[in-house]
Amino acid sequence: MTKSEWQDLFAAKEVLGLGDRATLGEIKRSYRNQCRRYHPDLVGNDKKKGDMMRQLTRAYDVILRHCDQFRIPLVPTESEAMEPEDWWMDRFGQDPLWGKKKKN
């Protein structure tokens, strides 16, 4: 990404009130909550709020375009394939100190 694109992304993050990391759900919730505050159909025909609504929509678009550039895994990776207990047992299950106790 170019410096300009990073600046646009940072500005969009600030407009939507997001932290340095956000899930897609958090991004959508923030956008919807802000829309309730500034949408002209809900708050009247105020020029300042209309301008803010345009900024919100642009910020949301910038962030979604950024998110569209990344591939999201739809199957677990090798390290994510196991539940934590299964992972532990796979590595230490045979150890007499950490593994399951043998019944006598």
PDB file of N, CA and C in Angstrom:
ATOM      1  N   MET A   1       0.836  -1.183   0.000  1.00  0.00           N
ATOM      2  CA  MET A   1       0.000   0.000   0.000  1.00  0.00           C
ATOM      3  C   MET A   1       0.878   1.243   0.000  1.00  0.00           C
ATOM      4  N   THR A   2       0.371   2.270  -0.600  1.00  0.00           N
ATOM      5  CA  THR A   2       1.105   3.524  -0.635  1.00  0.00           C
ATOM      6  C   THR A   2       0.864   4.285   0.669  1.00  0.00           C
ATOM      7  N   LYS A   3       1.692   5.302   0.879  1.00  0.00           N
ATOM      8  CA  LYS A   3       1.545   6.132   2.075  1.00  0.00           C
ATOM      9  C   LYS A   3       0.177   6.812   2.086  1.00  0.00           C
ATOM     10  N   SER A   4      -0.269   7.259   0.941  1.00  0.00           N
ATOM     11  CA  SER A   4      -1.574   7.911   0.820  1.00  0.00           C
ATOM     12  C   SER A   4      -2.701   6.952   1.193  1.00  0.00           C
ATOM     13  N   GLU A   5      -2.604   5.699   0.741  1.00  0.00           N
ATOM     14  CA  GLU A   5      -3.629   4.706   1.074  1.00  0.00           C
ATOM     15  C   GLU A   5      -3.648   4.419   2.576  1.00  0.00           C
ATOM     16  N   TRP A   6      -2.464   4.366   3.205  1.00  0.00           N
ATOM     17  CA  TRP A   6      -2.404   4.167   4.660  1.00  0.00           C
ATOM     18  C   TRP A   6      -3.026   5.350   5.391  1.00  0.00           C
ATOM     19  N   GLN A   7      -2.769   6.549   4.886  1.00  0.00           N
ATOM     20  CA  GLN A   7      -3.354   7.741   5.506  1.00  0.00           C
ATOM     21  C   GLN A   7      -4.884   7.719   5.401  1.00  0.00           C
ATOM     22  N   ASP A   8      -5.388   7.304   4.236  1.00  0.00           N
ATOM     23  CA  ASP A   8      -6.837   7.190   4.055  1.00  0.00           C
ATOM     24  C   ASP A   8      -7.419   6.149   5.007  1.00  0.00           C
ATOM     25  N   LEU A   9      -6.720   5.036   5.155  1.00  0.00           N
ATOM     26  CA  LEU A   9      -7.183   3.974   6.044  1.00  0.00           C
ATOM     27  C   LEU A   9      -7.177   4.441   7.501  1.00  0.00           C
ATOM     28  N   PHE A  10      -6.126   5.160   7.899  1.00  0.00           N
ATOM     29  CA  PHE A  10      -6.051   5.677   9.264  1.00  0.00           C
ATOM     30  C   PHE A  10      -7.175   6.686   9.521  1.00  0.00           C
ATOM     31  N   ALA A  11      -7.421   7.564   8.550  1.00  0.00           N
ATOM     32  CA  ALA A  11      -8.501   8.549   8.697  1.00  0.00           C
ATOM     33  C   ALA A  11      -9.852   7.846   8.794  1.00  0.00           C
ATOM     34  N   ALA A  12     -10.054   6.811   8.004  1.00  0.00           N
ATOM     35  CA  ALA A  12     -11.307   6.059   8.046  1.00  0.00           C
ATOM     36  C   ALA A  12     -11.488   5.394   9.407  1.00  0.00           C
ATOM     37  N   LYS A  13     -10.423   4.850   9.944  1.00  0.00           N
ATOM     38  CA  LYS A  13     -10.451   4.226  11.270  1.00  0.00           C
ATOM     39  C   LYS A  13     -10.873   5.240  12.324  1.00  0.00           C
ATOM     40  N   GLU A  14     -10.359   6.434  12.223  1.00  0.00           N
ATOM     41  CA  GLU A  14     -10.686   7.491  13.180  1.00  0.00           C
ATOM     42  C   GLU A  14     -12.148   7.937  13.045  1.00  0.00           C
ATOM     43  N   VAL A  15     -12.615   8.089  11.811  1.00  0.00           N
ATOM     44  CA  VAL A  15     -13.997   8.523  11.583  1.00  0.00           C
ATOM     45  C   VAL A  15     -14.970   7.508  12.178  1.00  0.00           C
ATOM     46  N   LEU A  16     -14.664   6.223  12.013  1.00  0.00           N
ATOM     47  CA  LEU A  16     -15.553   5.183  12.518  1.00  0.00           C
ATOM     48  C   LEU A  16     -15.315   4.864  13.990  1.00  0.00           C
ATOM     49  N   GLY A  17     -14.292   5.461  14.579  1.00  0.00           N
ATOM     50  CA  GLY A  17     -14.030   5.236  15.998  1.00  0.00           C
ATOM     51  C   GLY A  17     -13.532   3.843  16.303  1.00  0.00           C
ATOM     52  N   LEU A  18     -12.712   3.291  15.407  1.00  0.00           N
ATOM     53  CA  LEU A  18     -12.191   1.938  15.583  1.00  0.00           C
ATOM     54  C   LEU A  18     -10.802   1.966  16.205  1.00  0.00           C
ATOM     55  N   GLY A  19     -10.423   0.855  16.819  1.00  0.00           N
ATOM     56  CA  GLY A  19      -9.083   0.712  17.361  1.00  0.00           C
ATOM     57  C   GLY A  19      -8.110   0.329  16.257  1.00  0.00           C
ATOM     58  N   ASP A  20      -6.901  -0.039  16.638  1.00  0.00           N
ATOM     59  CA  ASP A  20      -5.890  -0.415  15.652  1.00  0.00           C
ATOM     60  C   ASP A  20      -6.212  -1.733  14.959  1.00  0.00           C
ATOM     61  N   ARG A  21      -6.998  -2.570  15.602  1.00  0.00           N
ATOM     62  CA  ARG A  21      -7.439  -3.834  15.006  1.00  0.00           C
ATOM     63  C   ARG A  21      -8.949  -3.917  15.175  1.00  0.00           C
ATOM     64  N   ALA A  22      -9.625  -4.457  14.174  1.00  0.00           N
ATOM     65  CA  ALA A  22     -11.080  -4.598  14.260  1.00  0.00           C
ATOM     66  C   ALA A  22     -11.520  -5.776  13.406  1.00  0.00           C
ATOM     67  N   THR A  23     -12.532  -6.457  13.880  1.00  0.00           N
ATOM     68  CA  THR A  23     -13.131  -7.518  13.080  1.00  0.00           C
ATOM     69  C   THR A  23     -14.113  -6.886  12.105  1.00  0.00           C
ATOM     70  N   LEU A  24     -14.517  -7.651  11.124  1.00  0.00           N
ATOM     71  CA  LEU A  24     -15.493  -7.151  10.170  1.00  0.00           C
ATOM     72  C   LEU A  24     -16.800  -6.819  10.885  1.00  0.00           C
ATOM     73  N   GLY A  25     -17.157  -7.616  11.867  1.00  0.00           N
ATOM     74  CA  GLY A  25     -18.362  -7.342  12.650  1.00  0.00           C
ATOM     75  C   GLY A  25     -18.265  -6.026  13.408  1.00  0.00           C
ATOM     76  N   GLU A  26     -17.108  -5.751  13.996  1.00  0.00           N
ATOM     77  CA  GLU A  26     -16.912  -4.484  14.716  1.00  0.00           C
ATOM     78  C   GLU A  26     -16.984  -3.292  13.767  1.00  0.00           C
ATOM     79  N   ILE A  27     -16.431  -3.454  12.584  1.00  0.00           N
ATOM     80  CA  ILE A  27     -16.468  -2.380  11.587  1.00  0.00           C
ATOM     81  C   ILE A  27     -17.919  -2.083  11.197  1.00  0.00           C
ATOM     82  N   LYS A  28     -18.675  -3.128  10.914  1.00  0.00           N
ATOM     83  CA  LYS A  28     -20.074  -2.948  10.517  1.00  0.00           C
ATOM     84  C   LYS A  28     -20.898  -2.340  11.647  1.00  0.00           C
ATOM     85  N   ARG A  29     -20.702  -2.837  12.882  1.00  0.00           N
ATOM     86  CA  ARG A  29     -21.454  -2.293  14.017  1.00  0.00           C
ATOM     87  C   ARG A  29     -21.162  -0.817  14.222  1.00  0.00           C
ATOM     88  N   SER A  30     -19.882  -0.452  14.121  1.00  0.00           N
ATOM     89  CA  SER A  30     -19.512   0.953  14.298  1.00  0.00           C
ATOM     90  C   SER A  30     -20.161   1.818  13.224  1.00  0.00           C
ATOM     91  N   TYR A  31     -20.107   1.359  11.983  1.00  0.00           N
ATOM     92  CA  TYR A  31     -20.717   2.107  10.881  1.00  0.00           C
ATOM     93  C   TYR A  31     -22.219   2.279  11.112  1.00  0.00           C
ATOM     94  N   ARG A  32     -22.897   1.200  11.470  1.00  0.00           N
ATOM     95  CA  ARG A  32     -24.349   1.277  11.681  1.00  0.00           C
ATOM     96  C   ARG A  32     -24.705   2.185  12.857  1.00  0.00           C
ATOM     97  N   ASN A  33     -23.932   2.089  13.934  1.00  0.00           N
ATOM     98  CA  ASN A  33     -24.199   2.957  15.093  1.00  0.00           C
ATOM     99  C   ASN A  33     -24.009   4.427  14.736  1.00  0.00           C
ATOM    100  N   GLN A  34     -22.948   4.723  13.989  1.00  0.00           N
ATOM    101  CA  GLN A  34     -22.702   6.101  13.574  1.00  0.00           C
ATOM    102  C   GLN A  34     -23.792   6.586  12.615  1.00  0.00           C
ATOM    103  N   CYS A  35     -24.271   5.697  11.752  1.00  0.00           N
ATOM    104  CA  CYS A  35     -25.348   6.072  10.812  1.00  0.00           C
ATOM    105  C   CYS A  35     -26.607   6.471  11.568  1.00  0.00           C
ATOM    106  N   ARG A  36     -26.880   5.782  12.665  1.00  0.00           N
ATOM    107  CA  ARG A  36     -28.058   6.144  13.458  1.00  0.00           C
ATOM    108  C   ARG A  36     -27.946   7.557  14.017  1.00  0.00           C
ATOM    109  N   ARG A  37     -26.735   7.996  14.273  1.00  0.00           N
ATOM    110  CA  ARG A  37     -26.521   9.340  14.823  1.00  0.00           C
ATOM    111  C   ARG A  37     -26.573  10.431  13.758  1.00  0.00           C
ATOM    112  N   TYR A  38     -26.191  10.096  12.520  1.00  0.00           N
ATOM    113  CA  TYR A  38     -26.000  11.143  11.517  1.00  0.00           C
ATOM    114  C   TYR A  38     -26.862  11.028  10.261  1.00  0.00           C
ATOM    115  N   HIS A  39     -27.607   9.956  10.078  1.00  0.00           N
ATOM    116  CA  HIS A  39     -28.367   9.794   8.839  1.00  0.00           C
ATOM    117  C   HIS A  39     -29.472  10.851   8.755  1.00  0.00           C
ATOM    118  N   PRO A  40     -29.539  11.578   7.622  1.00  0.00           N
ATOM    119  CA  PRO A  40     -30.525  12.658   7.480  1.00  0.00           C
ATOM    120  C   PRO A  40     -31.976  12.198   7.641  1.00  0.00           C
ATOM    121  N   ASP A  41     -32.294  10.977   7.271  1.00  0.00           N
ATOM    122  CA  ASP A  41     -33.665  10.483   7.429  1.00  0.00           C
ATOM    123  C   ASP A  41     -34.043  10.322   8.897  1.00  0.00           C
ATOM    124  N   LEU A  42     -33.040  10.157   9.753  1.00  0.00           N
ATOM    125  CA  LEU A  42     -33.312   9.938  11.171  1.00  0.00           C
ATOM    126  C   LEU A  42     -33.163  11.197  12.018  1.00  0.00           C
ATOM    127  N   VAL A  43     -32.303  12.121  11.585  1.00  0.00           N
ATOM    128  CA  VAL A  43     -32.019  13.297  12.420  1.00  0.00           C
ATOM    129  C   VAL A  43     -32.418  14.620  11.775  1.00  0.00           C
ATOM    130  N   GLY A  44     -33.050  14.560  10.638  1.00  0.00           N
ATOM    131  CA  GLY A  44     -33.444  15.799   9.979  1.00  0.00           C
ATOM    132  C   GLY A  44     -32.428  16.212   8.927  1.00  0.00           C
ATOM    133  N   ASN A  45     -32.718  17.306   8.281  1.00  0.00           N
ATOM    134  CA  ASN A  45     -31.902  17.771   7.162  1.00  0.00           C
ATOM    135  C   ASN A  45     -30.872  18.788   7.634  1.00  0.00           C
ATOM    136  N   ASP A  46     -29.908  18.338   8.435  1.00  0.00           N
ATOM    137  CA  ASP A  46     -28.841  19.186   8.961  1.00  0.00           C
ATOM    138  C   ASP A  46     -27.605  19.011   8.071  1.00  0.00           C
ATOM    139  N   LYS A  47     -27.089  20.126   7.513  1.00  0.00           N
ATOM    140  CA  LYS A  47     -25.962  20.050   6.586  1.00  0.00           C
ATOM    141  C   LYS A  47     -24.734  19.403   7.217  1.00  0.00           C
ATOM    142  N   LYS A  48     -24.416  19.753   8.470  1.00  0.00           N
ATOM    143  CA  LYS A  48     -23.238  19.180   9.142  1.00  0.00           C
ATOM    144  C   LYS A  48     -23.381  17.672   9.304  1.00  0.00           C
ATOM    145  N   LYS A  49     -24.575  17.246   9.687  1.00  0.00           N
ATOM    146  CA  LYS A  49     -24.784  15.808   9.862  1.00  0.00           C
ATOM    147  C   LYS A  49     -24.787  15.092   8.519  1.00  0.00           C
ATOM    148  N   GLY A  50     -25.268  15.742   7.481  1.00  0.00           N
ATOM    149  CA  GLY A  50     -25.210  15.164   6.140  1.00  0.00           C
ATOM    150  C   GLY A  50     -23.778  14.998   5.677  1.00  0.00           C
ATOM    151  N   ASP A  51     -22.931  16.005   5.969  1.00  0.00           N
ATOM    152  CA  ASP A  51     -21.505  15.898   5.630  1.00  0.00           C
ATOM    153  C   ASP A  51     -20.864  14.750   6.398  1.00  0.00           C
ATOM    154  N   MET A  52     -21.215  14.606   7.665  1.00  0.00           N
ATOM    155  CA  MET A  52     -20.661  13.518   8.472  1.00  0.00           C
ATOM    156  C   MET A  52     -21.101  12.169   7.925  1.00  0.00           C
ATOM    157  N   MET A  53     -22.320  12.080   7.457  1.00  0.00           N
ATOM    158  CA  MET A  53     -22.808  10.823   6.881  1.00  0.00           C
ATOM    159  C   MET A  53     -22.007  10.454   5.642  1.00  0.00           C
ATOM    160  N   ARG A  54     -21.676  11.439   4.818  1.00  0.00           N
ATOM    161  CA  ARG A  54     -20.846  11.180   3.640  1.00  0.00           C
ATOM    162  C   ARG A  54     -19.448  10.725   4.056  1.00  0.00           C
ATOM    163  N   GLN A  55     -18.896  11.321   5.103  1.00  0.00           N
ATOM    164  CA  GLN A  55     -17.578  10.902   5.608  1.00  0.00           C
ATOM    165  C   GLN A  55     -17.626   9.473   6.128  1.00  0.00           C
ATOM    166  N   LEU A  56     -18.692   9.136   6.843  1.00  0.00           N
ATOM    167  CA  LEU A  56     -18.849   7.773   7.363  1.00  0.00           C
ATOM    168  C   LEU A  56     -18.910   6.752   6.229  1.00  0.00           C
ATOM    169  N   THR A  57     -19.695   7.069   5.213  1.00  0.00           N
ATOM    170  CA  THR A  57     -19.841   6.144   4.091  1.00  0.00           C
ATOM    171  C   THR A  57     -18.522   5.974   3.350  1.00  0.00           C
ATOM    172  N   ARG A  58     -17.804   7.081   3.148  1.00  0.00           N
ATOM    173  CA  ARG A  58     -16.498   6.994   2.485  1.00  0.00           C
ATOM    174  C   ARG A  58     -15.524   6.182   3.332  1.00  0.00           C
ATOM    175  N   ALA A  59     -15.514   6.411   4.647  1.00  0.00           N
ATOM    176  CA  ALA A  59     -14.612   5.680   5.547  1.00  0.00           C
ATOM    177  C   ALA A  59     -14.924   4.187   5.517  1.00  0.00           C
ATOM    178  N   TYR A  60     -16.190   3.850   5.550  1.00  0.00           N
ATOM    179  CA  TYR A  60     -16.612   2.446   5.508  1.00  0.00           C
ATOM    180  C   TYR A  60     -16.153   1.800   4.204  1.00  0.00           C
ATOM    181  N   ASP A  61     -16.319   2.510   3.093  1.00  0.00           N
ATOM    182  CA  ASP A  61     -15.880   1.992   1.794  1.00  0.00           C
ATOM    183  C   ASP A  61     -14.372   1.778   1.755  1.00  0.00           C
ATOM    184  N   VAL A  62     -13.606   2.717   2.296  1.00  0.00           N
ATOM    185  CA  VAL A  62     -12.137   2.602   2.314  1.00  0.00           C
ATOM    186  C   VAL A  62     -11.719   1.354   3.084  1.00  0.00           C
ATOM    187  N   ILE A  63     -12.316   1.153   4.250  1.00  0.00           N
ATOM    188  CA  ILE A  63     -11.942   0.000   5.076  1.00  0.00           C
ATOM    189  C   ILE A  63     -12.363  -1.309   4.412  1.00  0.00           C
ATOM    190  N   LEU A  64     -13.548  -1.353   3.830  1.00  0.00           N
ATOM    191  CA  LEU A  64     -13.983  -2.587   3.168  1.00  0.00           C
ATOM    192  C   LEU A  64     -13.128  -2.906   1.947  1.00  0.00           C
ATOM    193  N   ARG A  65     -12.721  -1.888   1.197  1.00  0.00           N
ATOM    194  CA  ARG A  65     -11.810  -2.130   0.066  1.00  0.00           C
ATOM    195  C   ARG A  65     -10.491  -2.699   0.562  1.00  0.00           C
ATOM    196  N   HIS A  66     -10.014  -2.196   1.690  1.00  0.00           N
ATOM    197  CA  HIS A  66      -8.776  -2.722   2.283  1.00  0.00           C
ATOM    198  C   HIS A  66      -8.966  -4.186   2.684  1.00  0.00           C
ATOM    199  N   CYS A  67     -10.093  -4.505   3.309  1.00  0.00           N
ATOM    200  CA  CYS A  67     -10.368  -5.881   3.739  1.00  0.00           C
ATOM    201  C   CYS A  67     -10.507  -6.827   2.552  1.00  0.00           C
ATOM    202  N   ASP A  68     -11.008  -6.331   1.439  1.00  0.00           N
ATOM    203  CA  ASP A  68     -11.197  -7.171   0.249  1.00  0.00           C
ATOM    204  C   ASP A  68      -9.879  -7.664  -0.338  1.00  0.00           C
ATOM    205  N   GLN A  69      -8.766  -7.071   0.056  1.00  0.00           N
ATOM    206  CA  GLN A  69      -7.469  -7.458  -0.486  1.00  0.00           C
ATOM    207  C   GLN A  69      -6.909  -8.718   0.172  1.00  0.00           C
ATOM    208  N   PHE A  70      -7.512  -9.175   1.268  1.00  0.00           N
ATOM    209  CA  PHE A  70      -6.949 -10.278   2.023  1.00  0.00           C
ATOM    210  C   PHE A  70      -7.779 -11.539   1.847  1.00  0.00           C
ATOM    211  N   ARG A  71      -7.067 -12.645   1.728  1.00  0.00           N
ATOM    212  CA  ARG A  71      -7.731 -13.941   1.657  1.00  0.00           C
ATOM    213  C   ARG A  71      -7.983 -14.412   3.084  1.00  0.00           C
ATOM    214  N   ILE A  72      -9.171 -14.888   3.307  1.00  0.00           N
ATOM    215  CA  ILE A  72      -9.555 -15.363   4.632  1.00  0.00           C
ATOM    216  C   ILE A  72      -9.609 -16.882   4.575  1.00  0.00           C
ATOM    217  N   PRO A  73      -8.907 -17.568   5.482  1.00  0.00           N
ATOM    218  CA  PRO A  73      -8.935 -19.034   5.452  1.00  0.00           C
ATOM    219  C   PRO A  73     -10.328 -19.563   5.797  1.00  0.00           C
ATOM    220  N   LEU A  74     -10.783 -20.532   5.029  1.00  0.00           N
ATOM    221  CA  LEU A  74     -12.089 -21.125   5.265  1.00  0.00           C
ATOM    222  C   LEU A  74     -11.984 -22.549   5.801  1.00  0.00           C
ATOM    223  N   VAL A  75     -10.759 -23.015   5.952  1.00  0.00           N
ATOM    224  CA  VAL A  75     -10.490 -24.307   6.586  1.00  0.00           C
ATOM    225  C   VAL A  75      -9.397 -24.069   7.621  1.00  0.00           C
ATOM    226  N   PRO A  76      -9.371 -24.859   8.675  1.00  0.00           N
ATOM    227  CA  PRO A  76      -8.352 -24.637   9.701  1.00  0.00           C
ATOM    228  C   PRO A  76      -6.960 -24.948   9.181  1.00  0.00           C
ATOM    229  N   THR A  77      -5.995 -24.170   9.649  1.00  0.00           N
ATOM    230  CA  THR A  77      -4.613 -24.477   9.318  1.00  0.00           C
ATOM    231  C   THR A  77      -4.174 -25.648  10.184  1.00  0.00           C
ATOM    232  N   GLU A  78      -3.019 -26.185   9.912  1.00  0.00           N
ATOM    233  CA  GLU A  78      -2.543 -27.350  10.658  1.00  0.00           C
ATOM    234  C   GLU A  78      -2.488 -27.074  12.157  1.00  0.00           C
ATOM    235  N   SER A  79      -2.056 -25.879  12.543  1.00  0.00           N
ATOM    236  CA  SER A  79      -1.938 -25.557  13.963  1.00  0.00           C
ATOM    237  C   SER A  79      -3.296 -25.265  14.599  1.00  0.00           C
ATOM    238  N   GLU A  80      -4.324 -24.960  13.799  1.00  0.00           N
ATOM    239  CA  GLU A  80      -5.641 -24.640  14.334  1.00  0.00           C
ATOM    240  C   GLU A  80      -6.612 -25.819  14.280  1.00  0.00           C
ATOM    241  N   ALA A  81      -6.167 -26.927  13.714  1.00  0.00           N
ATOM    242  CA  ALA A  81      -7.072 -28.039  13.469  1.00  0.00           C
ATOM    243  C   ALA A  81      -7.555 -28.724  14.740  1.00  0.00           C
ATOM    244  N   MET A  82      -6.833 -28.608  15.831  1.00  0.00           N
ATOM    245  CA  MET A  82      -7.173 -29.326  17.050  1.00  0.00           C
ATOM    246  C   MET A  82      -7.706 -28.406  18.131  1.00  0.00           C
ATOM    247  N   GLU A  83      -8.575 -28.969  18.934  1.00  0.00           N
ATOM    248  CA  GLU A  83      -9.008 -28.279  20.136  1.00  0.00           C
ATOM    249  C   GLU A  83      -7.815 -28.214  21.085  1.00  0.00           C
ATOM    250  N   PRO A  84      -7.787 -27.240  22.007  1.00  0.00           N
ATOM    251  CA  PRO A  84      -6.639 -27.114  22.904  1.00  0.00           C
ATOM    252  C   PRO A  84      -6.299 -28.393  23.671  1.00  0.00           C
ATOM    253  N   GLU A  85      -7.309 -29.092  24.167  1.00  0.00           N
ATOM    254  CA  GLU A  85      -7.033 -30.325  24.914  1.00  0.00           C
ATOM    255  C   GLU A  85      -6.433 -31.393  24.002  1.00  0.00           C
ATOM    256  N   ASP A  86      -6.947 -31.481  22.771  1.00  0.00           N
ATOM    257  CA  ASP A  86      -6.408 -32.447  21.820  1.00  0.00           C
ATOM    258  C   ASP A  86      -4.969 -32.097  21.454  1.00  0.00           C
ATOM    259  N   TRP A  87      -4.703 -30.815  21.290  1.00  0.00           N
ATOM    260  CA  TRP A  87      -3.334 -30.375  20.981  1.00  0.00           C
ATOM    261  C   TRP A  87      -2.391 -30.797  22.097  1.00  0.00           C
ATOM    262  N   TRP A  88      -2.812 -30.565  23.332  1.00  0.00           N
ATOM    263  CA  TRP A  88      -1.984 -30.908  24.490  1.00  0.00           C
ATOM    264  C   TRP A  88      -1.725 -32.410  24.543  1.00  0.00           C
ATOM    265  N   MET A  89      -2.777 -33.191  24.380  1.00  0.00           N
ATOM    266  CA  MET A  89      -2.634 -34.646  24.443  1.00  0.00           C
ATOM    267  C   MET A  89      -1.781 -35.168  23.295  1.00  0.00           C
ATOM    268  N   ASP A  90      -1.872 -34.559  22.137  1.00  0.00           N
ATOM    269  CA  ASP A  90      -1.063 -34.975  20.993  1.00  0.00           C
ATOM    270  C   ASP A  90       0.423 -34.809  21.294  1.00  0.00           C
ATOM    271  N   ARG A  91       0.757 -33.751  21.998  1.00  0.00           N
ATOM    272  CA  ARG A  91       2.163 -33.479  22.281  1.00  0.00           C
ATOM    273  C   ARG A  91       2.672 -34.134  23.562  1.00  0.00           C
ATOM    274  N   PHE A  92       1.813 -34.200  24.570  1.00  0.00           N
ATOM    275  CA  PHE A  92       2.281 -34.648  25.876  1.00  0.00           C
ATOM    276  C   PHE A  92       1.502 -35.835  26.439  1.00  0.00           C
ATOM    277  N   GLY A  93       0.587 -36.380  25.689  1.00  0.00           N
ATOM    278  CA  GLY A  93      -0.276 -37.448  26.186  1.00  0.00           C
ATOM    279  C   GLY A  93       0.454 -38.704  26.595  1.00  0.00           C
ATOM    280  N   GLN A  94       1.582 -38.981  25.974  1.00  0.00           N
ATOM    281  CA  GLN A  94       2.335 -40.193  26.298  1.00  0.00           C
ATOM    282  C   GLN A  94       3.302 -39.984  27.461  1.00  0.00           C
ATOM    283  N   ASP A  95       3.481 -38.764  27.859  1.00  0.00           N
ATOM    284  CA  ASP A  95       4.395 -38.454  28.957  1.00  0.00           C
ATOM    285  C   ASP A  95       3.764 -38.926  30.273  1.00  0.00           C
ATOM    286  N   PRO A  96       4.485 -39.721  31.069  1.00  0.00           N
ATOM    287  CA  PRO A  96       3.883 -40.235  32.304  1.00  0.00           C
ATOM    288  C   PRO A  96       3.551 -39.133  33.309  1.00  0.00           C
ATOM    289  N   LEU A  97       4.252 -38.027  33.257  1.00  0.00           N
ATOM    290  CA  LEU A  97       3.992 -36.942  34.199  1.00  0.00           C
ATOM    291  C   LEU A  97       2.798 -36.096  33.771  1.00  0.00           C
ATOM    292  N   TRP A  98       2.689 -35.789  32.460  1.00  0.00           N
ATOM    293  CA  TRP A  98       1.653 -34.887  31.970  1.00  0.00           C
ATOM    294  C   TRP A  98       0.486 -35.582  31.312  1.00  0.00           C
ATOM    295  N   GLY A  99       0.665 -36.772  30.818  1.00  0.00           N
ATOM    296  CA  GLY A  99      -0.392 -37.473  30.083  1.00  0.00           C
ATOM    297  C   GLY A  99      -1.439 -38.073  30.997  1.00  0.00           C
ATOM    298  N   LYS A 100      -2.352 -38.807  30.374  1.00  0.00           N
ATOM    299  CA  LYS A 100      -3.411 -39.452  31.140  1.00  0.00           C
ATOM    300  C   LYS A 100      -2.795 -40.565  31.979  1.00  0.00           C
ATOM    301  N   LYS A 101      -3.278 -40.695  33.163  1.00  0.00           N
ATOM    302  CA  LYS A 101      -2.783 -41.710  34.088  1.00  0.00           C
ATOM    303  C   LYS A 101      -3.331 -43.069  33.645  1.00  0.00           C
ATOM    304  N   LYS A 102      -2.483 -44.077  33.690  1.00  0.00           N
ATOM    305  CA  LYS A 102      -2.922 -45.432  33.372  1.00  0.00           C
ATOM    306  C   LYS A 102      -3.640 -46.011  34.561  1.00  0.00           C
ATOM    307  N   LYS A 103      -4.729 -46.698  34.272  1.00  0.00           N
ATOM    308  CA  LYS A 103      -5.478 -47.349  35.341  1.00  0.00           C
ATOM    309  C   LYS A 103      -4.832 -48.695  35.641  1.00  0.00           C
ATOM    310  N   ASN A 104      -4.647 -48.998  36.899  1.00  0.00           N
ATOM    311  CA  ASN A 104      -4.034 -50.288  37.297  1.00  0.00           C
ATOM    312  C   ASN A 104      -5.075 -51.332  37.511  1.00  0.00           C
TER     313      ASN A 104
END
